[in-house]
N, C-alpha and C. Protein backbone atom coordinates (compact mmCIF):
# COMPACT_ATOMS: atom_id res chain seq x y z
N MET A 1 127.37 125.38 94.24
CA MET A 1 127.61 123.88 93.58
C MET A 1 127.65 122.96 94.68
N LYS A 2 126.85 122.20 94.82
CA LYS A 2 126.86 121.22 96.24
C LYS A 2 128.29 120.09 96.39
N LYS A 3 128.83 120.56 97.07
CA LYS A 3 130.05 119.55 97.47
C LYS A 3 129.70 118.02 97.93
N SER A 4 130.22 117.54 97.03
CA SER A 4 130.25 115.83 97.48
C SER A 4 130.51 115.58 98.95
N ASP A 5 130.28 114.46 99.90
CA ASP A 5 130.58 113.97 100.70
C ASP A 5 132.17 113.77 100.89
N ASP A 6 132.73 113.18 99.91
CA ASP A 6 134.13 113.02 100.09
C ASP A 6 134.75 114.46 100.01
N ASN A 7 134.47 115.26 99.13
CA ASN A 7 134.99 116.63 99.11
C ASN A 7 134.73 116.95 100.34
N LEU A 8 133.95 116.95 101.13
CA LEU A 8 133.73 117.72 102.46
C LEU A 8 134.66 116.93 103.43
N ILE A 9 134.71 116.03 103.49
CA ILE A 9 135.52 115.34 104.47
C ILE A 9 136.81 115.38 104.15
N SER A 10 137.44 115.68 102.86
CA SER A 10 138.84 115.98 102.42
C SER A 10 139.05 117.40 102.96
N ASP A 11 137.97 118.35 102.77
CA ASP A 11 138.15 119.60 103.23
C ASP A 11 138.08 119.99 104.52
N TYR A 12 137.30 119.07 105.59
CA TYR A 12 137.64 118.98 106.92
C TYR A 12 139.12 118.68 107.52
N LEU A 13 139.42 117.23 106.86
CA LEU A 13 140.58 117.01 107.16
C LEU A 13 141.65 118.16 106.83
N GLU A 14 141.84 118.97 105.70
CA GLU A 14 142.63 120.09 105.45
C GLU A 14 142.14 121.01 106.46
N GLY A 15 141.43 120.94 107.19
CA GLY A 15 141.18 122.24 108.26
C GLY A 15 139.96 122.99 108.04
N ASP A 16 139.22 122.69 107.37
CA ASP A 16 138.04 123.50 106.85
C ASP A 16 137.07 123.26 107.94
N GLU A 17 136.46 123.73 109.25
CA GLU A 17 135.81 123.22 110.47
C GLU A 17 134.50 123.43 109.43
N ARG A 18 133.84 124.29 108.69
CA ARG A 18 132.94 124.36 108.34
C ARG A 18 132.02 122.84 107.44
N ALA A 19 133.07 122.63 106.73
CA ALA A 19 132.67 120.92 106.14
C ALA A 19 132.08 120.43 106.60
N LEU A 20 132.58 119.89 108.20
CA LEU A 20 132.11 119.18 108.88
C LEU A 20 130.33 119.44 109.08
N SER A 21 130.24 120.81 109.63
CA SER A 21 128.87 121.28 109.81
C SER A 21 128.01 121.11 108.81
N ILE A 22 128.40 121.36 107.76
CA ILE A 22 127.86 120.80 106.45
C ILE A 22 127.54 119.31 106.36
N LEU A 23 128.00 118.51 106.49
CA LEU A 23 127.54 117.38 106.83
C LEU A 23 126.80 116.91 107.65
N VAL A 24 126.96 117.35 108.70
CA VAL A 24 126.14 117.34 109.92
C VAL A 24 124.58 117.99 109.47
N ASP A 25 124.52 119.04 108.93
CA ASP A 25 123.30 119.53 108.29
C ASP A 25 122.78 118.56 107.52
N ARG A 26 123.67 118.07 106.55
CA ARG A 26 123.25 117.34 105.03
C ARG A 26 122.38 116.01 105.92
N TYR A 27 122.82 115.54 107.19
CA TYR A 27 122.56 114.01 107.37
C TYR A 27 121.58 114.11 108.95
N LEU A 28 121.79 115.07 109.62
CA LEU A 28 120.92 115.23 110.88
C LEU A 28 119.62 114.72 110.92
N GLY A 29 118.92 115.01 109.90
CA GLY A 29 117.42 114.68 109.89
C GLY A 29 117.17 113.20 109.71
N ASP A 30 117.69 112.96 108.74
CA ASP A 30 117.73 111.20 108.50
C ASP A 30 118.60 110.53 109.64
N VAL A 31 119.24 110.68 110.36
CA VAL A 31 119.81 110.07 111.14
C VAL A 31 118.82 110.15 112.45
N TYR A 32 118.43 111.19 112.52
CA TYR A 32 117.49 111.37 113.97
C TYR A 32 116.49 110.49 113.36
N ARG A 33 115.31 110.63 112.47
CA ARG A 33 114.26 109.88 112.24
C ARG A 33 114.48 108.42 112.31
N PHE A 34 115.90 107.69 111.50
CA PHE A 34 116.07 106.54 111.83
C PHE A 34 116.32 106.11 113.30
N ALA A 35 117.06 107.02 114.19
CA ALA A 35 116.96 106.37 115.61
C ALA A 35 115.52 106.38 115.93
N PHE A 36 115.07 107.49 115.74
CA PHE A 36 113.30 107.38 116.24
C PHE A 36 112.89 106.18 115.91
N SER A 37 113.02 105.71 114.51
CA SER A 37 112.30 104.66 114.34
C SER A 37 112.64 103.34 114.85
N LEU A 38 114.08 103.17 115.56
CA LEU A 38 114.55 102.24 116.09
C LEU A 38 114.19 102.10 117.79
N THR A 39 113.80 103.44 118.14
CA THR A 39 113.78 103.79 119.58
C THR A 39 112.34 104.22 120.22
N ASN A 40 111.91 104.46 119.02
CA ASN A 40 110.25 104.83 119.35
C ASN A 40 110.44 106.45 120.50
N ASN A 41 111.71 106.61 120.71
CA ASN A 41 111.90 107.82 121.93
C ASN A 41 112.58 108.79 121.31
N ALA A 42 111.83 110.19 121.47
CA ALA A 42 112.46 111.28 120.72
C ALA A 42 113.84 111.70 121.48
N GLN A 43 113.78 111.71 122.75
CA GLN A 43 114.94 112.28 123.24
C GLN A 43 116.28 111.09 123.17
N ALA A 44 115.84 110.07 123.02
CA ALA A 44 116.85 108.59 122.68
C ALA A 44 117.18 109.15 121.47
N ALA A 45 116.37 109.47 120.52
CA ALA A 45 116.78 109.70 119.19
C ALA A 45 117.69 111.13 119.24
N GLU A 46 117.55 112.17 119.76
CA GLU A 46 118.50 113.06 119.70
C GLU A 46 119.39 112.57 120.53
N ASP A 47 119.81 112.11 121.45
CA ASP A 47 121.18 111.53 121.64
C ASP A 47 121.80 110.58 121.39
N ILE A 48 121.10 109.60 120.21
CA ILE A 48 121.66 108.45 119.64
C ILE A 48 122.35 109.58 118.15
N ALA A 49 121.37 110.34 117.77
CA ALA A 49 122.14 110.83 116.79
C ALA A 49 122.92 111.79 116.84
N GLN A 50 123.34 112.54 118.03
CA GLN A 50 124.31 113.37 118.59
C GLN A 50 125.79 112.59 118.77
N GLU A 51 125.12 111.36 119.27
CA GLU A 51 126.37 110.25 119.45
C GLU A 51 126.84 110.02 118.63
N SER A 52 126.08 109.93 117.35
CA SER A 52 126.71 108.87 116.40
C SER A 52 127.56 109.79 115.47
N PHE A 53 127.00 111.45 115.45
CA PHE A 53 128.26 112.17 114.85
C PHE A 53 129.24 112.70 115.51
N ILE A 54 129.21 112.40 116.97
CA ILE A 54 130.49 112.62 117.41
C ILE A 54 131.26 111.53 117.15
N LYS A 55 130.56 110.12 117.08
CA LYS A 55 131.78 108.87 116.61
C LYS A 55 132.42 108.96 115.42
N ALA A 56 131.28 109.65 114.53
CA ALA A 56 131.96 109.94 113.09
C ALA A 56 132.57 110.74 113.30
N TRP A 57 132.63 111.98 113.70
CA TRP A 57 133.70 113.00 113.99
C TRP A 57 135.17 112.32 114.79
N LYS A 58 135.28 111.56 115.66
CA LYS A 58 136.26 110.96 116.07
C LYS A 58 136.99 110.29 115.10
N ASN A 59 136.19 109.50 114.03
CA ASN A 59 136.87 108.22 113.63
C ASN A 59 136.82 108.66 111.85
N ILE A 60 136.56 110.37 112.01
CA ILE A 60 136.85 110.29 110.37
C ILE A 60 137.96 109.80 109.61
N ARG A 61 139.06 110.00 110.40
CA ARG A 61 140.26 109.61 109.34
C ARG A 61 140.11 108.13 109.15
N ARG A 62 139.28 107.20 109.81
CA ARG A 62 139.23 106.08 109.40
C ARG A 62 138.10 105.70 108.04
N PHE A 63 137.22 106.56 107.72
CA PHE A 63 136.67 106.99 106.72
C PHE A 63 137.37 106.55 105.25
N ILE A 64 136.93 105.29 104.58
CA ILE A 64 137.85 105.15 103.42
C ILE A 64 137.37 105.91 102.16
N PRO A 65 137.96 107.10 101.72
CA PRO A 65 137.30 107.93 100.55
C PRO A 65 137.00 106.95 99.14
N GLY A 66 135.89 107.11 98.73
CA GLY A 66 135.28 106.43 97.69
C GLY A 66 134.10 105.52 98.14
N ASN A 67 134.29 105.13 99.57
CA ASN A 67 132.78 104.37 100.24
C ASN A 67 131.75 105.33 100.32
N SER A 68 130.55 105.19 100.74
CA SER A 68 129.33 105.82 100.89
C SER A 68 129.30 106.62 102.32
N PHE A 69 129.84 107.67 102.80
CA PHE A 69 129.53 108.42 103.96
C PHE A 69 128.30 107.91 104.51
N ARG A 70 127.21 108.44 103.84
CA ARG A 70 126.03 107.93 104.54
C ARG A 70 125.88 106.41 105.04
N THR A 71 126.46 105.63 104.29
CA THR A 71 126.15 103.99 104.54
C THR A 71 126.83 103.91 105.84
N TRP A 72 128.33 104.60 106.01
CA TRP A 72 129.05 104.45 107.06
C TRP A 72 128.68 105.34 108.06
N LEU A 73 127.70 106.23 108.01
CA LEU A 73 126.92 107.04 109.22
C LEU A 73 126.07 106.36 109.73
N PHE A 74 124.94 105.77 108.91
CA PHE A 74 124.20 104.69 109.34
C PHE A 74 124.38 103.97 110.27
N ALA A 75 125.58 103.17 109.36
CA ALA A 75 125.77 101.86 110.39
C ALA A 75 126.37 102.58 111.86
N ILE A 76 127.11 103.62 111.95
CA ILE A 76 127.42 104.28 113.31
C ILE A 76 126.02 104.58 113.97
N ALA A 77 125.38 104.74 113.24
CA ALA A 77 124.09 105.27 113.97
C ALA A 77 123.19 104.04 114.50
N ARG A 78 122.99 103.11 113.69
CA ARG A 78 122.50 101.95 114.05
C ARG A 78 123.01 101.25 115.30
N ASN A 79 124.40 100.95 115.18
CA ASN A 79 125.42 100.47 116.46
C ASN A 79 124.84 101.34 117.61
N THR A 80 125.10 102.47 117.47
CA THR A 80 124.76 102.96 118.81
C THR A 80 123.06 103.24 119.29
N ALA A 81 122.39 103.08 118.21
CA ALA A 81 120.89 102.55 118.82
C ALA A 81 120.58 101.81 119.27
N ILE A 82 121.67 100.41 119.04
CA ILE A 82 121.45 98.97 119.43
C ILE A 82 121.78 99.18 120.77
N ASP A 83 123.36 99.77 121.18
CA ASP A 83 123.90 100.01 122.39
C ASP A 83 122.80 100.71 123.44
N TRP A 84 122.12 101.32 122.85
CA TRP A 84 121.47 102.26 123.78
C TRP A 84 119.89 101.39 123.97
N LEU A 85 119.28 100.54 123.15
CA LEU A 85 118.13 99.47 123.27
C LEU A 85 118.92 98.70 124.31
N ARG A 86 120.22 98.12 124.38
CA ARG A 86 120.86 96.80 125.14
C ARG A 86 120.64 97.84 126.69
N GLN A 87 121.07 98.71 126.64
CA GLN A 87 121.17 99.57 128.23
C GLN A 87 119.73 99.70 128.47
N LYS A 88 118.85 100.02 127.86
CA LYS A 88 117.61 99.99 128.41
C LYS A 88 116.82 98.95 128.41
N LYS A 89 117.54 97.44 127.75
CA LYS A 89 116.46 96.46 127.74
C LYS A 89 115.45 96.14 127.22
N GLU A 90 115.31 97.11 126.39
CA GLU A 90 114.06 97.30 125.57
C GLU A 90 113.73 96.45 124.30
N ILE A 91 114.78 95.71 123.92
CA ILE A 91 114.92 94.65 123.09
C ILE A 91 115.48 93.28 123.23
N ALA A 92 114.42 92.16 123.83
CA ALA A 92 114.96 91.22 123.91
C ALA A 92 115.42 90.36 123.09
N LEU A 93 116.87 89.70 123.27
CA LEU A 93 117.42 88.92 122.22
C LEU A 93 116.61 87.63 121.74
N SER A 94 115.98 87.34 122.82
CA SER A 94 114.90 86.22 122.31
C SER A 94 114.13 86.82 121.36
N SER A 95 113.74 87.81 120.80
CA SER A 95 112.98 88.42 119.88
C SER A 95 113.23 88.14 118.69
N PHE A 96 114.43 87.91 118.56
CA PHE A 96 115.02 87.33 117.03
C PHE A 96 114.77 85.87 117.06
N GLU A 97 114.68 85.26 117.75
CA GLU A 97 114.33 83.95 118.15
C GLU A 97 112.88 83.31 118.22
N ASP A 98 112.49 82.21 117.51
CA ASP A 98 111.20 81.75 117.81
C ASP A 98 111.07 80.74 119.00
N GLU A 99 110.14 80.41 119.65
CA GLU A 99 110.30 79.29 121.07
C GLU A 99 110.99 78.15 120.84
N ARG A 100 111.48 77.52 119.77
CA ARG A 100 112.51 76.66 119.66
C ARG A 100 113.79 77.15 119.85
N GLY A 101 114.14 78.58 119.78
CA GLY A 101 115.27 78.91 119.90
C GLY A 101 116.04 79.46 118.58
N VAL A 102 115.12 78.89 117.67
CA VAL A 102 115.60 79.13 115.68
C VAL A 102 115.50 80.44 115.90
N ASN A 103 116.74 80.98 115.26
CA ASN A 103 116.87 82.30 114.50
C ASN A 103 115.84 82.69 113.62
N LEU A 104 115.25 83.88 113.94
CA LEU A 104 114.35 84.26 112.82
C LEU A 104 114.97 84.79 111.57
N LEU A 105 116.08 84.96 111.77
CA LEU A 105 116.85 85.39 109.97
C LEU A 105 116.72 84.20 109.11
N VAL A 106 116.37 83.17 109.88
CA VAL A 106 116.28 81.88 108.93
C VAL A 106 114.88 81.92 107.86
N GLU A 107 115.14 82.02 106.75
CA GLU A 107 114.02 82.36 105.99
C GLU A 107 112.73 80.97 106.01
N THR A 108 111.37 81.37 106.64
CA THR A 108 110.64 80.11 106.69
C THR A 108 109.47 80.71 106.16
N LEU A 109 109.26 82.04 105.39
CA LEU A 109 108.17 82.39 104.73
C LEU A 109 108.50 81.83 103.42
N ALA A 110 107.11 81.92 102.66
CA ALA A 110 107.46 82.04 101.21
C ALA A 110 106.79 83.20 100.86
N ASP A 111 105.90 83.71 101.31
CA ASP A 111 105.33 84.86 100.31
C ASP A 111 106.40 85.83 99.85
N THR A 112 106.14 86.34 99.08
CA THR A 112 106.85 87.00 98.23
C THR A 112 106.08 88.02 97.19
N GLN A 113 105.07 88.14 97.54
CA GLN A 113 104.31 89.48 97.22
C GLN A 113 104.47 90.56 97.56
N PRO A 114 104.51 91.74 96.73
CA PRO A 114 104.96 93.09 97.29
C PRO A 114 103.40 93.50 97.93
N LEU A 115 104.08 94.35 98.49
CA LEU A 115 103.00 95.65 99.21
C LEU A 115 102.26 96.24 98.27
N PRO A 116 101.03 96.54 98.53
CA PRO A 116 100.04 97.06 97.30
C PRO A 116 100.28 98.32 97.59
N SER A 117 100.37 99.28 96.90
CA SER A 117 100.31 100.53 96.65
C SER A 117 99.25 100.95 97.34
N GLU A 118 98.33 100.50 97.75
CA GLU A 118 96.92 101.10 98.49
C GLU A 118 97.33 101.43 99.97
N LEU A 119 98.31 100.59 100.35
CA LEU A 119 99.01 100.77 101.92
C LEU A 119 99.01 102.09 102.25
N ILE A 120 100.32 102.28 101.23
CA ILE A 120 100.61 103.78 101.40
C ILE A 120 99.70 104.72 101.04
N ALA A 121 98.87 104.77 99.87
CA ALA A 121 97.72 105.71 100.17
C ALA A 121 97.13 105.47 101.43
N ARG A 122 96.70 104.78 101.80
CA ARG A 122 95.80 104.30 103.01
C ARG A 122 96.64 104.95 104.18
N ALA A 123 98.12 105.17 104.07
CA ALA A 123 98.66 105.61 105.37
C ALA A 123 98.68 107.03 105.41
N GLU A 124 97.48 107.75 105.64
CA GLU A 124 97.88 109.37 105.77
C GLU A 124 98.17 109.41 106.82
N ASP A 125 98.31 108.84 107.80
CA ASP A 125 98.61 109.00 109.13
C ASP A 125 99.66 108.77 109.50
N ALA A 126 100.62 109.15 109.72
CA ALA A 126 102.11 108.43 110.28
C ALA A 126 101.94 107.79 111.57
N ALA A 127 100.97 107.59 112.63
CA ALA A 127 101.00 107.08 113.38
C ALA A 127 100.10 105.95 113.29
N TYR A 128 99.41 105.93 112.07
CA TYR A 128 99.02 104.27 111.48
C TYR A 128 100.06 103.63 111.13
N VAL A 129 101.11 104.16 110.22
CA VAL A 129 101.85 103.46 109.88
C VAL A 129 102.93 103.03 110.84
N ARG A 130 103.49 103.85 111.83
CA ARG A 130 104.11 103.28 112.85
C ARG A 130 103.72 102.32 113.78
N ALA A 131 102.24 102.11 114.00
CA ALA A 131 101.60 101.21 114.61
C ALA A 131 101.69 99.82 113.86
N LEU A 132 101.48 99.79 112.58
CA LEU A 132 101.49 98.70 111.84
C LEU A 132 103.14 98.57 112.12
N LEU A 133 104.13 99.14 111.92
CA LEU A 133 105.58 98.62 111.71
C LEU A 133 105.96 98.19 113.14
N SER A 134 105.07 98.67 114.32
CA SER A 134 105.62 98.16 115.78
C SER A 134 105.17 96.63 115.85
N GLU A 135 104.40 96.37 115.01
CA GLU A 135 103.89 94.66 114.95
C GLU A 135 104.92 93.88 114.15
N LEU A 136 105.77 94.47 113.44
CA LEU A 136 106.39 93.56 112.60
C LEU A 136 107.87 93.17 113.78
N ASN A 137 108.43 91.71 113.05
CA ASN A 137 109.97 91.49 113.77
C ASN A 137 110.83 92.67 113.29
N PRO A 138 111.56 93.01 114.53
CA PRO A 138 112.50 94.15 114.35
C PRO A 138 113.38 94.11 113.51
N GLU A 139 113.80 93.31 113.07
CA GLU A 139 114.78 92.79 111.85
C GLU A 139 114.12 92.91 110.50
N TYR A 140 112.80 92.86 110.33
CA TYR A 140 112.14 93.31 109.33
C TYR A 140 112.03 94.80 109.14
N ARG A 141 111.25 95.28 110.30
CA ARG A 141 111.18 96.79 110.37
C ARG A 141 112.44 97.58 110.26
N GLU A 142 113.73 97.07 110.64
CA GLU A 142 114.78 97.89 110.48
C GLU A 142 115.03 97.76 109.07
N VAL A 143 114.94 97.03 108.18
CA VAL A 143 115.01 97.20 106.53
C VAL A 143 114.21 97.96 106.21
N LEU A 144 112.76 97.91 106.51
CA LEU A 144 111.91 98.81 106.02
C LEU A 144 112.22 100.38 106.63
N GLU A 145 112.50 100.43 107.61
CA GLU A 145 113.02 102.11 107.91
C GLU A 145 114.55 102.15 107.23
N LEU A 146 115.41 101.66 107.26
CA LEU A 146 116.42 101.76 106.56
C LEU A 146 116.16 102.07 104.93
N ARG A 147 115.31 101.29 104.25
CA ARG A 147 114.85 101.56 102.89
C ARG A 147 114.08 103.07 102.72
N TYR A 148 112.94 103.11 103.64
CA TYR A 148 112.29 104.08 103.52
C TYR A 148 112.45 105.35 103.98
N SER A 149 113.11 105.16 105.16
CA SER A 149 113.22 106.89 106.35
C SER A 149 114.75 107.19 105.53
N GLY A 150 115.46 106.13 105.60
CA GLY A 150 117.01 106.35 105.15
C GLY A 150 116.92 106.38 103.62
N ASN A 151 116.06 106.27 102.88
CA ASN A 151 116.23 106.08 101.45
C ASN A 151 117.68 105.52 101.03
N LEU A 152 117.87 104.54 101.40
CA LEU A 152 119.32 103.76 101.34
C LEU A 152 118.79 102.62 100.35
N THR A 153 119.83 102.31 99.95
CA THR A 153 119.66 101.28 98.60
C THR A 153 119.73 99.78 99.51
N PHE A 154 119.29 98.53 98.94
CA PHE A 154 119.49 97.60 99.48
C PHE A 154 121.07 97.16 99.77
N ALA A 155 121.82 97.13 98.86
CA ALA A 155 123.44 97.00 99.28
C ALA A 155 123.65 98.06 100.34
N GLU A 156 123.28 99.26 100.47
CA GLU A 156 123.69 99.94 101.51
C GLU A 156 123.14 99.39 102.77
N ILE A 157 121.98 98.89 102.63
CA ILE A 157 121.24 98.25 104.18
C ILE A 157 122.00 97.12 104.36
N GLY A 158 122.30 96.25 103.46
CA GLY A 158 123.44 94.97 103.58
C GLY A 158 124.57 95.55 104.36
N GLU A 159 125.02 96.44 103.66
CA GLU A 159 126.53 96.74 104.54
C GLU A 159 126.29 96.98 105.83
N ILE A 160 125.02 98.02 106.47
CA ILE A 160 124.74 98.69 107.70
C ILE A 160 124.45 97.51 108.66
N VAL A 161 123.48 96.45 108.28
CA VAL A 161 123.08 95.28 108.88
C VAL A 161 123.94 94.19 109.09
N LYS A 162 124.79 94.08 108.20
CA LYS A 162 125.84 93.13 107.78
C LYS A 162 125.37 91.71 107.63
N ARG A 163 124.53 92.01 106.37
CA ARG A 163 123.58 90.58 106.03
C ARG A 163 123.78 90.79 104.62
N PRO A 164 123.89 89.41 103.64
CA PRO A 164 123.87 89.47 102.51
C PRO A 164 122.67 90.01 101.68
N LEU A 165 123.25 91.03 100.51
CA LEU A 165 122.39 91.36 99.50
C LEU A 165 120.63 90.60 99.42
N HIS A 166 120.96 89.57 99.02
CA HIS A 166 119.63 88.50 99.17
C HIS A 166 118.80 88.36 100.36
N THR A 167 119.27 88.31 101.40
CA THR A 167 118.81 87.93 102.70
C THR A 167 117.81 89.64 102.93
N VAL A 168 118.77 90.70 102.72
CA VAL A 168 118.07 91.98 102.71
C VAL A 168 116.88 91.96 101.87
N LYS A 169 117.06 91.94 100.62
CA LYS A 169 115.97 92.03 99.62
C LYS A 169 114.65 90.89 99.88
N SER A 170 115.21 89.59 100.52
CA SER A 170 114.10 88.61 101.07
C SER A 170 113.49 89.49 102.35
N GLN A 171 114.03 89.78 103.14
CA GLN A 171 113.51 90.59 104.74
C GLN A 171 112.74 91.94 104.06
N HIS A 172 112.77 92.42 103.14
CA HIS A 172 112.28 93.65 102.41
C HIS A 172 110.83 93.12 101.90
N ARG A 173 110.67 92.12 101.53
CA ARG A 173 109.59 91.67 100.48
C ARG A 173 108.60 90.84 101.78
N ARG A 174 109.19 90.01 102.75
CA ARG A 174 108.72 89.58 103.67
C ARG A 174 108.08 90.64 104.78
N ALA A 175 108.45 91.54 104.83
CA ALA A 175 108.29 92.74 105.88
C ALA A 175 107.17 93.60 105.12
N LEU A 176 107.14 93.88 103.96
CA LEU A 176 105.91 94.25 103.14
C LEU A 176 104.75 93.28 103.09
N ALA A 177 105.00 91.80 102.88
CA ALA A 177 103.79 91.07 102.91
C ALA A 177 103.10 90.92 104.65
N ALA A 178 104.00 91.20 105.51
CA ALA A 178 103.81 91.20 106.90
C ALA A 178 103.02 92.19 106.86
N LEU A 179 103.54 93.51 106.48
CA LEU A 179 102.58 94.52 106.33
C LEU A 179 101.04 94.67 106.05
N ARG A 180 101.23 94.22 105.02
CA ARG A 180 99.77 93.75 104.06
C ARG A 180 98.91 93.07 104.93
N ARG A 181 99.32 91.89 105.35
CA ARG A 181 98.94 90.93 106.15
C ARG A 181 98.15 91.76 107.54
N ILE A 182 98.78 92.47 108.55
CA ILE A 182 98.58 93.28 109.35
C ILE A 182 97.48 94.05 109.00
N SER A 183 97.90 95.10 107.88
CA SER A 183 96.86 96.28 107.57
C SER A 183 95.44 95.47 107.10
N GLN A 184 95.58 94.10 106.57
CA GLN A 184 94.15 93.59 106.37
C GLN A 184 93.29 92.91 107.40
N ALA A 185 94.03 93.15 108.42
CA ALA A 185 93.74 92.49 109.40
C ALA A 185 92.92 93.80 110.20
N GLU A 186 93.16 94.79 110.07
CA GLU A 186 92.86 96.09 110.81
C GLU A 186 91.26 96.00 110.29
N PRO A 187 90.71 96.86 111.58
CA PRO A 187 88.80 96.98 111.04
C PRO A 187 89.43 98.41 110.30
N ALA A 188 88.13 98.22 109.33
CA ALA A 188 88.42 99.22 108.07
C ALA A 188 87.63 100.48 108.71
């Protein structure tokens, strides 16, 4: 029987070293994919994933049983990736603002139509999807990556990115609409 994350953490805190390795095995792939989606750099994604698990291990006593370990771990990975991006200066702070300095979190678009399922069927090639995602606002891309690569709920994403649930849902809808527009502009 598969042990819950809380049980594994409890076992680890009681001295069972194998419990931590089970948690690492359980989430390493997801954390790596998420880090790669944010950095588009395989080596950086490996480093971020490793550093995220080290931070989780060092702070495991701060984890609150009953909360989602997965959400907690993804928040650590997100913060670690942001630190890496800041160090590499690959993300300009101005990318979250328009030319007038207005924060792009302000909801200015009215398009709420969902992404057609045809886009998913059309996306046979991961490179095609990655190219589409690279054209999105970084905050929209992050919500999509957490939702679909991380298989997280909107509530979990809100906890990780420290945004209200309605904002995360709205950004998700807008990201899907933007993807639809981008894909329709692509030559057939």
